[in-house]
Structure formats: structure tokens, C-alpha cells
């Protein structure tokens, strides 16, 4: 991904105890680009990195669907009705309610999209 995006404008790393093995330290890396924030869960002991979330406020057509600037009618046409509707925030969830996509609107137009993935 960094090959396509280049280096992030900032990187933040948070250390914390693994919930299954409190003696194991894991990390969350937050990579920030203009209009894009990517969070990665790093299981240090196994050298395994997993995508935790992606939030965009600007389109990145080479990587992600172009949703910013779309009208809510276009979103319903392509994704259907949201699982949860809370004012100008719509949520689409998988069958288990774990993975989700949140779409934020302003005046019926998409201003932000966030994908959250369940990592255990």
C-alpha cells in the first residue's frame, strides 16, 4: 500500500497487552495520509499485521471505491439500505455484526467513509 501512497505524513504506534495472552505485547500502527487514516493491528510475537480500519475523507480511486461526494441515493442504489441509520451516519454490518462500514453524510452527500474489521 505504501508503494502506491508513498510515505505517510505521520505514523503513531500504540503498545498494549494481547487480550488472550496478557504477557504478550501487541501494537496498533496508525498511518495518516491526507484524507486517509489506516490502522493496522500488529501481533508482534507472530510477525503478523492485519488491517483494523480505514477511514477516508478524500477519494483514492486507485485503492478504494470513490464514495466521497456521492449522494445518499447513489449509496442506496449500490449498497442497499443501511443496517443502522443514526441521523447523518449510516452503518452497514456483516451478518455477525463484527465488520462494518460507516458512512457519514453532510446535506445528503458523503463526507467520510470508515471500514472497521474485526480482529481477534
PDB file of N, CA and C in Angstrom:
ATOM      1  N   UNK A   1       0.817  -1.179   0.000  1.00  0.00           N
ATOM      2  CA  UNK A   1       0.000   0.000   0.000  1.00  0.00           C
ATOM      3  C   UNK A   1       0.869   1.255   0.000  1.00  0.00           C
ATOM      4  N   UNK A   2       1.961   1.249   0.800  1.00  0.00           N
ATOM      5  CA  UNK A   2       2.828   2.420   0.814  1.00  0.00           C
ATOM      6  C   UNK A   2       3.498   2.644  -0.530  1.00  0.00           C
ATOM      7  N   UNK A   3       3.641   1.591  -1.330  1.00  0.00           N
ATOM      8  CA  UNK A   3       4.216   1.754  -2.664  1.00  0.00           C
ATOM      9  C   UNK A   3       3.320   2.648  -3.512  1.00  0.00           C
ATOM     10  N   UNK A   4       1.999   2.532  -3.338  1.00  0.00           N
ATOM     11  CA  UNK A   4       1.074   3.349  -4.107  1.00  0.00           C
ATOM     12  C   UNK A   4       0.836   4.721  -3.488  1.00  0.00           C
ATOM     13  N   UNK A   5       0.870   4.785  -2.167  1.00  0.00           N
ATOM     14  CA  UNK A   5       0.559   6.037  -1.478  1.00  0.00           C
ATOM     15  C   UNK A   5       1.775   6.881  -1.125  1.00  0.00           C
ATOM     16  N   UNK A   6       2.928   6.232  -1.074  1.00  0.00           N
ATOM     17  CA  UNK A   6       4.116   6.927  -0.610  1.00  0.00           C
ATOM     18  C   UNK A   6       4.155   6.897   0.909  1.00  0.00           C
ATOM     19  N   UNK A   7       5.125   7.579   1.500  1.00  0.00           N
ATOM     20  CA  UNK A   7       5.224   7.567   2.962  1.00  0.00           C
ATOM     21  C   UNK A   7       4.079   8.367   3.585  1.00  0.00           C
ATOM     22  N   UNK A   8       3.564   7.899   4.726  1.00  0.00           N
ATOM     23  CA  UNK A   8       2.502   8.649   5.401  1.00  0.00           C
ATOM     24  C   UNK A   8       3.026   9.954   5.983  1.00  0.00           C
ATOM     25  N   UNK A   9       2.132  10.908   6.187  1.00  0.00           N
ATOM     26  CA  UNK A   9       2.541  12.175   6.799  1.00  0.00           C
ATOM     27  C   UNK A   9       2.833  11.990   8.284  1.00  0.00           C
ATOM     28  N   UNK A  10       2.213  10.966   8.897  1.00  0.00           N
ATOM     29  CA  UNK A  10       2.548  10.647  10.289  1.00  0.00           C
ATOM     30  C   UNK A  10       2.266   9.169  10.560  1.00  0.00           C
ATOM     31  N   UNK A  11       3.004   8.626  11.528  1.00  0.00           N
ATOM     32  CA  UNK A  11       2.822   7.243  11.975  1.00  0.00           C
ATOM     33  C   UNK A  11       2.802   7.273  13.494  1.00  0.00           C
ATOM     34  N   UNK A  12       1.809   6.618  14.070  1.00  0.00           N
ATOM     35  CA  UNK A  12       1.723   6.518  15.523  1.00  0.00           C
ATOM     36  C   UNK A  12       1.629   5.043  15.892  1.00  0.00           C
ATOM     37  N   UNK A  13       2.334   4.625  16.924  1.00  0.00           N
ATOM     38  CA  UNK A  13       2.306   3.243  17.380  1.00  0.00           C
ATOM     39  C   UNK A  13       1.857   3.206  18.834  1.00  0.00           C
ATOM     40  N   UNK A  14       0.862   2.354  19.109  1.00  0.00           N
ATOM     41  CA  UNK A  14       0.374   2.156  20.468  1.00  0.00           C
ATOM     42  C   UNK A  14       0.668   0.716  20.865  1.00  0.00           C
ATOM     43  N   UNK A  15       1.312   0.518  22.005  1.00  0.00           N
ATOM     44  CA  UNK A  15       1.562  -0.817  22.544  1.00  0.00           C
ATOM     45  C   UNK A  15       0.468  -1.157  23.554  1.00  0.00           C
ATOM     46  N   UNK A  16       0.089  -2.424  23.597  1.00  0.00           N
ATOM     47  CA  UNK A  16      -0.907  -2.864  24.581  1.00  0.00           C
ATOM     48  C   UNK A  16      -0.796  -4.372  24.772  1.00  0.00           C
ATOM     49  N   UNK A  17      -1.394  -4.870  25.841  1.00  0.00           N
ATOM     50  CA  UNK A  17      -1.377  -6.295  26.145  1.00  0.00           C
ATOM     51  C   UNK A  17      -2.403  -7.019  25.276  1.00  0.00           C
ATOM     52  N   UNK A  18      -2.001  -8.164  24.726  1.00  0.00           N
ATOM     53  CA  UNK A  18      -2.901  -9.008  23.960  1.00  0.00           C
ATOM     54  C   UNK A  18      -4.007  -9.514  24.888  1.00  0.00           C
ATOM     55  N   UNK A  19      -5.258  -9.460  24.451  1.00  0.00           N
ATOM     56  CA  UNK A  19      -6.359  -9.833  25.342  1.00  0.00           C
ATOM     57  C   UNK A  19      -6.401 -11.320  25.651  1.00  0.00           C
ATOM     58  N   UNK A  20      -5.797 -12.150  24.811  1.00  0.00           N
ATOM     59  CA  UNK A  20      -5.774 -13.594  25.046  1.00  0.00           C
ATOM     60  C   UNK A  20      -4.552 -14.024  25.855  1.00  0.00           C
ATOM     61  N   UNK A  21      -3.482 -13.254  25.773  1.00  0.00           N
ATOM     62  CA  UNK A  21      -2.240 -13.562  26.477  1.00  0.00           C
ATOM     63  C   UNK A  21      -1.680 -12.247  27.019  1.00  0.00           C
ATOM     64  N   UNK A  22      -2.061 -11.867  28.242  1.00  0.00           N
ATOM     65  CA  UNK A  22      -1.654 -10.567  28.797  1.00  0.00           C
ATOM     66  C   UNK A  22      -0.139 -10.344  28.846  1.00  0.00           C
ATOM     67  N   UNK A  23       0.655 -11.406  28.804  1.00  0.00           N
ATOM     68  CA  UNK A  23       2.099 -11.257  28.788  1.00  0.00           C
ATOM     69  C   UNK A  23       2.642 -10.891  27.418  1.00  0.00           C
ATOM     70  N   UNK A  24       1.813 -11.000  26.401  1.00  0.00           N
ATOM     71  CA  UNK A  24       2.218 -10.690  25.021  1.00  0.00           C
ATOM     72  C   UNK A  24       1.858  -9.247  24.700  1.00  0.00           C
ATOM     73  N   UNK A  25       2.792  -8.502  24.147  1.00  0.00           N
ATOM     74  CA  UNK A  25       2.560  -7.110  23.766  1.00  0.00           C
ATOM     75  C   UNK A  25       2.296  -7.031  22.270  1.00  0.00           C
ATOM     76  N   UNK A  26       1.205  -6.402  21.909  1.00  0.00           N
ATOM     77  CA  UNK A  26       0.860  -6.165  20.512  1.00  0.00           C
ATOM     78  C   UNK A  26       0.893  -4.664  20.254  1.00  0.00           C
ATOM     79  N   UNK A  27       0.654  -4.282  18.997  1.00  0.00           N
ATOM     80  CA  UNK A  27       0.709  -2.867  18.630  1.00  0.00           C
ATOM     81  C   UNK A  27      -0.409  -2.530  17.649  1.00  0.00           C
ATOM     82  N   UNK A  28      -0.801  -1.281  17.684  1.00  0.00           N
ATOM     83  CA  UNK A  28      -1.659  -0.720  16.633  1.00  0.00           C
ATOM     84  C   UNK A  28      -0.864   0.414  16.002  1.00  0.00           C
ATOM     85  N   UNK A  29      -0.685   0.311  14.687  1.00  0.00           N
ATOM     86  CA  UNK A  29       0.008   1.353  13.924  1.00  0.00           C
ATOM     87  C   UNK A  29      -1.053   2.190  13.211  1.00  0.00           C
ATOM     88  N   UNK A  30      -0.985   3.488  13.362  1.00  0.00           N
ATOM     89  CA  UNK A  30      -1.896   4.403  12.682  1.00  0.00           C
ATOM     90  C   UNK A  30      -1.086   5.190  11.659  1.00  0.00           C
ATOM     91  N   UNK A  31      -1.397   4.977  10.385  1.00  0.00           N
ATOM     92  CA  UNK A  31      -0.737   5.668   9.281  1.00  0.00           C
ATOM     93  C   UNK A  31      -1.682   6.751   8.773  1.00  0.00           C
ATOM     94  N   UNK A  32      -1.214   7.980   8.749  1.00  0.00           N
ATOM     95  CA  UNK A  32      -2.063   9.090   8.344  1.00  0.00           C
ATOM     96  C   UNK A  32      -1.549   9.690   7.037  1.00  0.00           C
ATOM     97  N   UNK A  33      -2.463   9.809   6.094  1.00  0.00           N
ATOM     98  CA  UNK A  33      -2.219  10.465   4.811  1.00  0.00           C
ATOM     99  C   UNK A  33      -3.261  11.582   4.687  1.00  0.00           C
ATOM    100  N   UNK A  34      -3.118  12.432   3.719  1.00  0.00           N
ATOM    101  CA  UNK A  34      -4.128  13.469   3.509  1.00  0.00           C
ATOM    102  C   UNK A  34      -5.452  12.802   3.151  1.00  0.00           C
ATOM    103  N   UNK A  35      -6.462  12.976   3.988  1.00  0.00           N
ATOM    104  CA  UNK A  35      -7.783  12.419   3.722  1.00  0.00           C
ATOM    105  C   UNK A  35      -7.893  10.919   3.901  1.00  0.00           C
ATOM    106  N   UNK A  36      -6.914  10.290   4.557  1.00  0.00           N
ATOM    107  CA  UNK A  36      -6.922   8.832   4.705  1.00  0.00           C
ATOM    108  C   UNK A  36      -6.173   8.438   5.976  1.00  0.00           C
ATOM    109  N   UNK A  37      -6.809   7.602   6.806  1.00  0.00           N
ATOM    110  CA  UNK A  37      -6.179   7.082   8.022  1.00  0.00           C
ATOM    111  C   UNK A  37      -6.332   5.572   8.002  1.00  0.00           C
ATOM    112  N   UNK A  38      -5.208   4.865   8.126  1.00  0.00           N
ATOM    113  CA  UNK A  38      -5.184   3.401   8.094  1.00  0.00           C
ATOM    114  C   UNK A  38      -4.657   2.912   9.432  1.00  0.00           C
ATOM    115  N   UNK A  39      -5.395   1.995  10.062  1.00  0.00           N
ATOM    116  CA  UNK A  39      -4.955   1.412  11.325  1.00  0.00           C
ATOM    117  C   UNK A  39      -4.675  -0.070  11.111  1.00  0.00           C
ATOM    118  N   UNK A  40      -3.504  -0.503  11.570  1.00  0.00           N
ATOM    119  CA  UNK A  40      -3.063  -1.889  11.421  1.00  0.00           C
ATOM    120  C   UNK A  40      -2.822  -2.497  12.789  1.00  0.00           C
ATOM    121  N   UNK A  41      -3.294  -3.720  12.976  1.00  0.00           N
ATOM    122  CA  UNK A  41      -3.060  -4.462  14.219  1.00  0.00           C
ATOM    123  C   UNK A  41      -1.854  -5.344  13.990  1.00  0.00           C
ATOM    124  N   UNK A  42      -0.826  -5.185  14.809  1.00  0.00           N
ATOM    125  CA  UNK A  42       0.411  -5.923  14.653  1.00  0.00           C
ATOM    126  C   UNK A  42       0.561  -6.900  15.822  1.00  0.00           C
ATOM    127  N   UNK A  43       0.494  -8.203  15.521  1.00  0.00           N
ATOM    128  CA  UNK A  43       0.751  -9.230  16.525  1.00  0.00           C
ATOM    129  C   UNK A  43       2.256  -9.476  16.474  1.00  0.00           C
ATOM    130  N   UNK A  44       2.979  -8.779  17.330  1.00  0.00           N
ATOM    131  CA  UNK A  44       4.432  -8.750  17.288  1.00  0.00           C
ATOM    132  C   UNK A  44       5.028 -10.152  17.411  1.00  0.00           C
ATOM    133  N   UNK A  45       4.516 -10.981  18.328  1.00  0.00           N
ATOM    134  CA  UNK A  45       5.075 -12.315  18.574  1.00  0.00           C
ATOM    135  C   UNK A  45       5.018 -13.202  17.337  1.00  0.00           C
ATOM    136  N   UNK A  46       4.014 -13.016  16.496  1.00  0.00           N
ATOM    137  CA  UNK A  46       3.847 -13.849  15.295  1.00  0.00           C
ATOM    138  C   UNK A  46       4.228 -13.124  14.010  1.00  0.00           C
ATOM    139  N   UNK A  47       4.695 -11.869  14.152  1.00  0.00           N
ATOM    140  CA  UNK A  47       5.055 -11.058  12.979  1.00  0.00           C
ATOM    141  C   UNK A  47       3.920 -11.040  11.961  1.00  0.00           C
ATOM    142  N   UNK A  48       2.720 -10.778  12.474  1.00  0.00           N
ATOM    143  CA  UNK A  48       1.517 -10.777  11.628  1.00  0.00           C
ATOM    144  C   UNK A  48       0.826  -9.423  11.786  1.00  0.00           C
ATOM    145  N   UNK A  49       0.573  -8.780  10.649  1.00  0.00           N
ATOM    146  CA  UNK A  49      -0.089  -7.486  10.646  1.00  0.00           C
ATOM    147  C   UNK A  49      -1.422  -7.630   9.922  1.00  0.00           C
ATOM    148  N   UNK A  50      -2.493  -7.100  10.556  1.00  0.00           N
ATOM    149  CA  UNK A  50      -3.835  -7.207   9.979  1.00  0.00           C
ATOM    150  C   UNK A  50      -4.471  -5.826   9.894  1.00  0.00           C
ATOM    151  N   UNK A  51      -5.261  -5.634   8.856  1.00  0.00           N
ATOM    152  CA  UNK A  51      -5.967  -4.373   8.678  1.00  0.00           C
ATOM    153  C   UNK A  51      -7.067  -4.273   9.729  1.00  0.00           C
ATOM    154  N   UNK A  52      -7.056  -3.177  10.470  1.00  0.00           N
ATOM    155  CA  UNK A  52      -8.036  -2.953  11.523  1.00  0.00           C
ATOM    156  C   UNK A  52      -9.122  -1.970  11.069  1.00  0.00           C
ATOM    157  N   UNK A  53      -8.692  -0.870  10.449  1.00  0.00           N
ATOM    158  CA  UNK A  53      -9.683   0.089   9.948  1.00  0.00           C
ATOM    159  C   UNK A  53      -9.065   1.009   8.897  1.00  0.00           C
ATOM    160  N   UNK A  54      -9.951   1.541   8.062  1.00  0.00           N
ATOM    161  CA  UNK A  54      -9.579   2.532   7.052  1.00  0.00           C
ATOM    162  C   UNK A  54     -10.641   3.620   7.106  1.00  0.00           C
ATOM    163  N   UNK A  55     -10.212   4.862   7.218  1.00  0.00           N
ATOM    164  CA  UNK A  55     -11.145   5.998   7.206  1.00  0.00           C
ATOM    165  C   UNK A  55     -10.682   6.965   6.130  1.00  0.00           C
ATOM    166  N   UNK A  56     -11.610   7.331   5.258  1.00  0.00           N
ATOM    167  CA  UNK A  56     -11.241   8.281   4.208  1.00  0.00           C
ATOM    168  C   UNK A  56     -12.217   9.448   4.177  1.00  0.00           C
ATOM    169  N   UNK A  57     -11.651  10.616   3.918  1.00  0.00           N
ATOM    170  CA  UNK A  57     -12.436  11.827   3.729  1.00  0.00           C
ATOM    171  C   UNK A  57     -12.121  12.440   2.367  1.00  0.00           C
ATOM    172  N   UNK A  58     -11.371  11.691   1.591  1.00  0.00           N
ATOM    173  CA  UNK A  58     -10.967  12.091   0.237  1.00  0.00           C
ATOM    174  C   UNK A  58     -10.869  10.796  -0.576  1.00  0.00           C
ATOM    175  N   UNK A  59     -11.264  10.851  -1.819  1.00  0.00           N
ATOM    176  CA  UNK A  59     -11.209   9.651  -2.666  1.00  0.00           C
ATOM    177  C   UNK A  59      -9.777   9.282  -3.040  1.00  0.00           C
ATOM    178  N   UNK A  60      -9.514   7.986  -3.047  1.00  0.00           N
ATOM    179  CA  UNK A  60      -8.261   7.400  -3.516  1.00  0.00           C
ATOM    180  C   UNK A  60      -8.631   6.335  -4.544  1.00  0.00           C
ATOM    181  N   UNK A  61      -8.949   6.741  -5.777  1.00  0.00           N
ATOM    182  CA  UNK A  61      -9.509   5.822  -6.769  1.00  0.00           C
ATOM    183  C   UNK A  61      -8.656   4.598  -7.081  1.00  0.00           C
ATOM    184  N   UNK A  62      -7.363   4.679  -6.940  1.00  0.00           N
ATOM    185  CA  UNK A  62      -6.515   3.521  -7.244  1.00  0.00           C
ATOM    186  C   UNK A  62      -6.624   2.447  -6.167  1.00  0.00           C
ATOM    187  N   UNK A  63      -7.097   2.812  -4.974  1.00  0.00           N
ATOM    188  CA  UNK A  63      -7.140   1.876  -3.857  1.00  0.00           C
ATOM    189  C   UNK A  63      -8.536   1.537  -3.363  1.00  0.00           C
ATOM    190  N   UNK A  64      -9.415   2.520  -3.354  1.00  0.00           N
ATOM    191  CA  UNK A  64     -10.722   2.362  -2.712  1.00  0.00           C
ATOM    192  C   UNK A  64     -11.837   2.876  -3.616  1.00  0.00           C
ATOM    193  N   UNK A  65     -13.057   2.401  -3.378  1.00  0.00           N
ATOM    194  CA  UNK A  65     -14.187   2.919  -4.170  1.00  0.00           C
ATOM    195  C   UNK A  65     -14.361   4.423  -3.948  1.00  0.00           C
ATOM    196  N   UNK A  66     -14.757   5.107  -4.983  1.00  0.00           N
ATOM    197  CA  UNK A  66     -14.949   6.560  -4.900  1.00  0.00           C
ATOM    198  C   UNK A  66     -16.322   6.857  -4.327  1.00  0.00           C
ATOM    199  N   UNK A  67     -16.370   7.017  -3.013  1.00  0.00           N
ATOM    200  CA  UNK A  67     -17.637   7.252  -2.327  1.00  0.00           C
ATOM    201  C   UNK A  67     -17.790   8.692  -1.849  1.00  0.00           C
ATOM    202  N   UNK A  68     -16.686   9.362  -1.581  1.00  0.00           N
ATOM    203  CA  UNK A  68     -16.755  10.751  -1.116  1.00  0.00           C
ATOM    204  C   UNK A  68     -17.384  11.599  -2.222  1.00  0.00           C
ATOM    205  N   UNK A  69     -18.387  12.389  -1.833  1.00  0.00           N
ATOM    206  CA  UNK A  69     -19.077  13.241  -2.801  1.00  0.00           C
ATOM    207  C   UNK A  69     -20.322  12.599  -3.404  1.00  0.00           C
ATOM    208  N   UNK A  70     -20.541  11.308  -3.140  1.00  0.00           N
ATOM    209  CA  UNK A  70     -21.722  10.634  -3.671  1.00  0.00           C
ATOM    210  C   UNK A  70     -22.966  11.046  -2.873  1.00  0.00           C
ATOM    211  N   UNK A  71     -24.097  11.113  -3.555  1.00  0.00           N
ATOM    212  CA  UNK A  71     -25.365  11.425  -2.906  1.00  0.00           C
ATOM    213  C   UNK A  71     -25.910  10.156  -2.256  1.00  0.00           C
ATOM    214  N   UNK A  72     -26.683  10.310  -1.204  1.00  0.00           N
ATOM    215  CA  UNK A  72     -27.217   9.133  -0.495  1.00  0.00           C
ATOM    216  C   UNK A  72     -28.040   8.224  -1.411  1.00  0.00           C
ATOM    217  N   UNK A  73     -28.696   8.767  -2.431  1.00  0.00           N
ATOM    218  CA  UNK A  73     -29.449   7.915  -3.376  1.00  0.00           C
ATOM    219  C   UNK A  73     -28.512   6.949  -4.098  1.00  0.00           C
ATOM    220  N   UNK A  74     -27.314   7.417  -4.459  1.00  0.00           N
ATOM    221  CA  UNK A  74     -26.335   6.558  -5.135  1.00  0.00           C
ATOM    222  C   UNK A  74     -25.835   5.470  -4.193  1.00  0.00           C
ATOM    223  N   UNK A  75     -25.685   5.795  -2.918  1.00  0.00           N
ATOM    224  CA  UNK A  75     -25.237   4.808  -1.939  1.00  0.00           C
ATOM    225  C   UNK A  75     -26.295   3.723  -1.771  1.00  0.00           C
ATOM    226  N   UNK A  76     -27.542   4.109  -1.632  1.00  0.00           N
ATOM    227  CA  UNK A  76     -28.618   3.116  -1.500  1.00  0.00           C
ATOM    228  C   UNK A  76     -28.717   2.275  -2.766  1.00  0.00           C
ATOM    229  N   UNK A  77     -28.523   2.884  -3.905  1.00  0.00           N
ATOM    230  CA  UNK A  77     -28.581   2.152  -5.169  1.00  0.00           C
ATOM    231  C   UNK A  77     -27.484   1.092  -5.253  1.00  0.00           C
ATOM    232  N   UNK A  78     -26.295   1.411  -4.760  1.00  0.00           N
ATOM    233  CA  UNK A  78     -25.193   0.446  -4.871  1.00  0.00           C
ATOM    234  C   UNK A  78     -25.058  -0.476  -3.665  1.00  0.00           C
ATOM    235  N   UNK A  79     -25.392  -0.007  -2.459  1.00  0.00           N
ATOM    236  CA  UNK A  79     -25.192  -0.817  -1.251  1.00  0.00           C
ATOM    237  C   UNK A  79     -26.480  -1.288  -0.584  1.00  0.00           C
ATOM    238  N   UNK A  80     -27.603  -0.718  -0.989  1.00  0.00           N
ATOM    239  CA  UNK A  80     -28.861  -1.042  -0.326  1.00  0.00           C
ATOM    240  C   UNK A  80     -29.044  -0.181   0.913  1.00  0.00           C
ATOM    241  N   UNK A  81     -30.065  -0.499   1.678  1.00  0.00           N
ATOM    242  CA  UNK A  81     -30.352   0.261   2.895  1.00  0.00           C
ATOM    243  C   UNK A  81     -29.352  -0.093   3.996  1.00  0.00           C
ATOM    244  N   UNK A  82     -29.008   0.875   4.840  1.00  0.00           N
ATOM    245  CA  UNK A  82     -28.060   0.605   5.915  1.00  0.00           C
ATOM    246  C   UNK A  82     -28.656  -0.314   6.984  1.00  0.00           C
ATOM    247  N   UNK A  83     -27.777  -0.997   7.706  1.00  0.00           N
ATOM    248  CA  UNK A  83     -28.190  -1.828   8.831  1.00  0.00           C
ATOM    249  C   UNK A  83     -28.671  -0.942   9.972  1.00  0.00           C
ATOM    250  N   UNK A  84     -27.941   0.144  10.220  1.00  0.00           N
ATOM    251  CA  UNK A  84     -28.272   1.092  11.281  1.00  0.00           C
ATOM    252  C   UNK A  84     -28.249   2.498  10.682  1.00  0.00           C
ATOM    253  N   UNK A  85     -29.269   3.250  10.977  1.00  0.00           N
ATOM    254  CA  UNK A  85     -29.377   4.621  10.495  1.00  0.00           C
ATOM    255  C   UNK A  85     -29.459   5.534  11.710  1.00  0.00           C
ATOM    256  N   UNK A  86     -28.468   6.393  11.895  1.00  0.00           N
ATOM    257  CA  UNK A  86     -28.436   7.315  13.039  1.00  0.00           C
ATOM    258  C   UNK A  86     -28.188   8.721  12.516  1.00  0.00           C
ATOM    259  N   UNK A  87     -29.229   9.364  12.083  1.00  0.00           N
ATOM    260  CA  UNK A  87     -29.101  10.712  11.530  1.00  0.00           C
ATOM    261  C   UNK A  87     -28.288  10.700  10.257  1.00  0.00           C
ATOM    262  N   UNK A  88     -27.174  11.419  10.252  1.00  0.00           N
ATOM    263  CA  UNK A  88     -26.334  11.503   9.065  1.00  0.00           C
ATOM    264  C   UNK A  88     -25.202  10.480   9.059  1.00  0.00           C
ATOM    265  N   UNK A  89     -25.307   9.484   9.921  1.00  0.00           N
ATOM    266  CA  UNK A  89     -24.340   8.390   9.939  1.00  0.00           C
ATOM    267  C   UNK A  89     -25.084   7.091   9.654  1.00  0.00           C
ATOM    268  N   UNK A  90     -24.644   6.403   8.610  1.00  0.00           N
ATOM    269  CA  UNK A  90     -25.220   5.112   8.239  1.00  0.00           C
ATOM    270  C   UNK A  90     -24.196   4.034   8.514  1.00  0.00           C
ATOM    271  N   UNK A  91     -24.661   2.881   9.007  1.00  0.00           N
ATOM    272  CA  UNK A  91     -23.771   1.744   9.224  1.00  0.00           C
ATOM    273  C   UNK A  91     -24.275   0.542   8.447  1.00  0.00           C
ATOM    274  N   UNK A  92     -23.336  -0.117   7.821  1.00  0.00           N
ATOM    275  CA  UNK A  92     -23.586  -1.398   7.157  1.00  0.00           C
ATOM    276  C   UNK A  92     -22.756  -2.429   7.918  1.00  0.00           C
ATOM    277  N   UNK A  93     -23.385  -3.518   8.391  1.00  0.00           N
ATOM    278  CA  UNK A  93     -22.679  -4.538   9.154  1.00  0.00           C
ATOM    279  C   UNK A  93     -22.776  -5.884   8.470  1.00  0.00           C
ATOM    280  N   UNK A  94     -21.782  -6.746   8.749  1.00  0.00           N
ATOM    281  CA  UNK A  94     -21.858  -8.112   8.249  1.00  0.00           C
ATOM    282  C   UNK A  94     -22.897  -8.884   9.075  1.00  0.00           C
ATOM    283  N   UNK A  95     -23.158 -10.126   8.715  1.00  0.00           N
ATOM    284  CA  UNK A  95     -24.197 -10.920   9.365  1.00  0.00           C
ATOM    285  C   UNK A  95     -23.959 -11.090  10.865  1.00  0.00           C
ATOM    286  N   UNK A  96     -22.694 -11.129  11.299  1.00  0.00           N
ATOM    287  CA  UNK A  96     -22.376 -11.301  12.715  1.00  0.00           C
ATOM    288  C   UNK A  96     -22.298  -9.963  13.459  1.00  0.00           C
ATOM    289  N   UNK A  97     -22.383  -8.862  12.739  1.00  0.00           N
ATOM    290  CA  UNK A  97     -22.286  -7.549  13.361  1.00  0.00           C
ATOM    291  C   UNK A  97     -20.871  -7.149  13.727  1.00  0.00           C
ATOM    292  N   UNK A  98     -19.882  -7.841  13.171  1.00  0.00           N
ATOM    293  CA  UNK A  98     -18.480  -7.539  13.503  1.00  0.00           C
ATOM    294  C   UNK A  98     -17.887  -6.505  12.567  1.00  0.00           C
ATOM    295  N   UNK A  99     -17.683  -6.867  11.320  1.00  0.00           N
ATOM    296  CA  UNK A  99     -17.127  -5.932  10.348  1.00  0.00           C
ATOM    297  C   UNK A  99     -18.213  -4.918   9.998  1.00  0.00           C
ATOM    298  N   UNK A 100     -17.793  -3.691   9.824  1.00  0.00           N
ATOM    299  CA  UNK A 100     -18.782  -2.672   9.495  1.00  0.00           C
ATOM    300  C   UNK A 100     -18.195  -1.585   8.613  1.00  0.00           C
ATOM    301  N   UNK A 101     -19.104  -0.918   7.927  1.00  0.00           N
ATOM    302  CA  UNK A 101     -18.755   0.266   7.156  1.00  0.00           C
ATOM    303  C   UNK A 101     -19.654   1.382   7.656  1.00  0.00           C
ATOM    304  N   UNK A 102     -19.047   2.498   8.021  1.00  0.00           N
ATOM    305  CA  UNK A 102     -19.788   3.681   8.460  1.00  0.00           C
ATOM    306  C   UNK A 102     -19.652   4.749   7.384  1.00  0.00           C
ATOM    307  N   UNK A 103     -20.766   5.322   7.015  1.00  0.00           N
ATOM    308  CA  UNK A 103     -20.765   6.396   6.022  1.00  0.00           C
ATOM    309  C   UNK A 103     -21.352   7.634   6.689  1.00  0.00           C
ATOM    310  N   UNK A 104     -20.604   8.736   6.615  1.00  0.00           N
ATOM    311  CA  UNK A 104     -21.062   9.996   7.196  1.00  0.00           C
ATOM    312  C   UNK A 104     -21.470  10.939   6.069  1.00  0.00           C
ATOM    313  N   UNK A 105     -22.617  11.578   6.261  1.00  0.00           N
ATOM    314  CA  UNK A 105     -23.162  12.494   5.265  1.00  0.00           C
ATOM    315  C   UNK A 105     -23.222  13.914   5.819  1.00  0.00           C
ATOM    316  N   UNK A 106     -23.174  14.858   4.924  1.00  0.00           N
ATOM    317  CA  UNK A 106     -23.490  16.247   5.235  1.00  0.00           C
ATOM    318  C   UNK A 106     -24.348  16.738   4.087  1.00  0.00           C
ATOM    319  N   UNK A 107     -25.559  17.174   4.407  1.00  0.00           N
ATOM    320  CA  UNK A 107     -26.511  17.622   3.388  1.00  0.00           C
ATOM    321  C   UNK A 107     -26.707  16.545   2.316  1.00  0.00           C
ATOM    322  N   UNK A 108     -26.851  15.281   2.747  1.00  0.00           N
ATOM    323  CA  UNK A 108     -27.134  14.122   1.883  1.00  0.00           C
ATOM    324  C   UNK A 108     -25.978  13.711   0.984  1.00  0.00           C
ATOM    325  N   UNK A 109     -24.787  14.242   1.219  1.00  0.00           N
ATOM    326  CA  UNK A 109     -23.608  13.914   0.416  1.00  0.00           C
ATOM    327  C   UNK A 109     -22.557  13.286   1.328  1.00  0.00           C
ATOM    328  N   UNK A 110     -21.902  12.222   0.842  1.00  0.00           N
ATOM    329  CA  UNK A 110     -20.896  11.507   1.636  1.00  0.00           C
ATOM    330  C   UNK A 110     -19.681  12.403   1.878  1.00  0.00           C
ATOM    331  N   UNK A 111     -19.291  12.532   3.167  1.00  0.00           N
ATOM    332  CA  UNK A 111     -18.102  13.308   3.523  1.00  0.00           C
ATOM    333  C   UNK A 111     -17.015  12.433   4.141  1.00  0.00           C
ATOM    334  N   UNK A 112     -17.386  11.226   4.631  1.00  0.00           N
ATOM    335  CA  UNK A 112     -16.402  10.319   5.218  1.00  0.00           C
ATOM    336  C   UNK A 112     -16.926   8.891   5.159  1.00  0.00           C
ATOM    337  N   UNK A 113     -15.996   7.951   4.991  1.00  0.00           N
ATOM    338  CA  UNK A 113     -16.321   6.523   4.994  1.00  0.00           C
ATOM    339  C   UNK A 113     -15.278   5.829   5.854  1.00  0.00           C
ATOM    340  N   UNK A 114     -15.747   4.928   6.701  1.00  0.00           N
ATOM    341  CA  UNK A 114     -14.825   4.173   7.560  1.00  0.00           C
ATOM    342  C   UNK A 114     -15.195   2.695   7.514  1.00  0.00           C
ATOM    343  N   UNK A 115     -14.179   1.874   7.245  1.00  0.00           N
ATOM    344  CA  UNK A 115     -14.350   0.428   7.302  1.00  0.00           C
ATOM    345  C   UNK A 115     -13.655  -0.068   8.550  1.00  0.00           C
ATOM    346  N   UNK A 116     -14.354  -0.845   9.367  1.00  0.00           N
ATOM    347  CA  UNK A 116     -13.781  -1.425  10.583  1.00  0.00           C
ATOM    348  C   UNK A 116     -13.860  -2.940  10.471  1.00  0.00           C
ATOM    349  N   UNK A 117     -12.763  -3.591  10.757  1.00  0.00           N
ATOM    350  CA  UNK A 117     -12.680  -5.045  10.613  1.00  0.00           C
ATOM    351  C   UNK A 117     -12.449  -5.680  11.975  1.00  0.00           C
ATOM    352  N   UNK A 118     -13.139  -6.780  12.228  1.00  0.00           N
ATOM    353  CA  UNK A 118     -12.995  -7.499  13.485  1.00  0.00           C
ATOM    354  C   UNK A 118     -11.696  -8.275  13.479  1.00  0.00           C
ATOM    355  N   UNK A 119     -10.874  -8.035  14.474  1.00  0.00           N
ATOM    356  CA  UNK A 119      -9.599  -8.727  14.613  1.00  0.00           C
ATOM    357  C   UNK A 119      -9.589  -9.370  15.991  1.00  0.00           C
ATOM    358  N   UNK A 120      -9.331 -10.673  16.035  1.00  0.00           N
ATOM    359  CA  UNK A 120      -9.304 -11.354  17.335  1.00  0.00           C
ATOM    360  C   UNK A 120      -8.021 -12.132  17.476  1.00  0.00           C
TER     361      UNK A 120
END
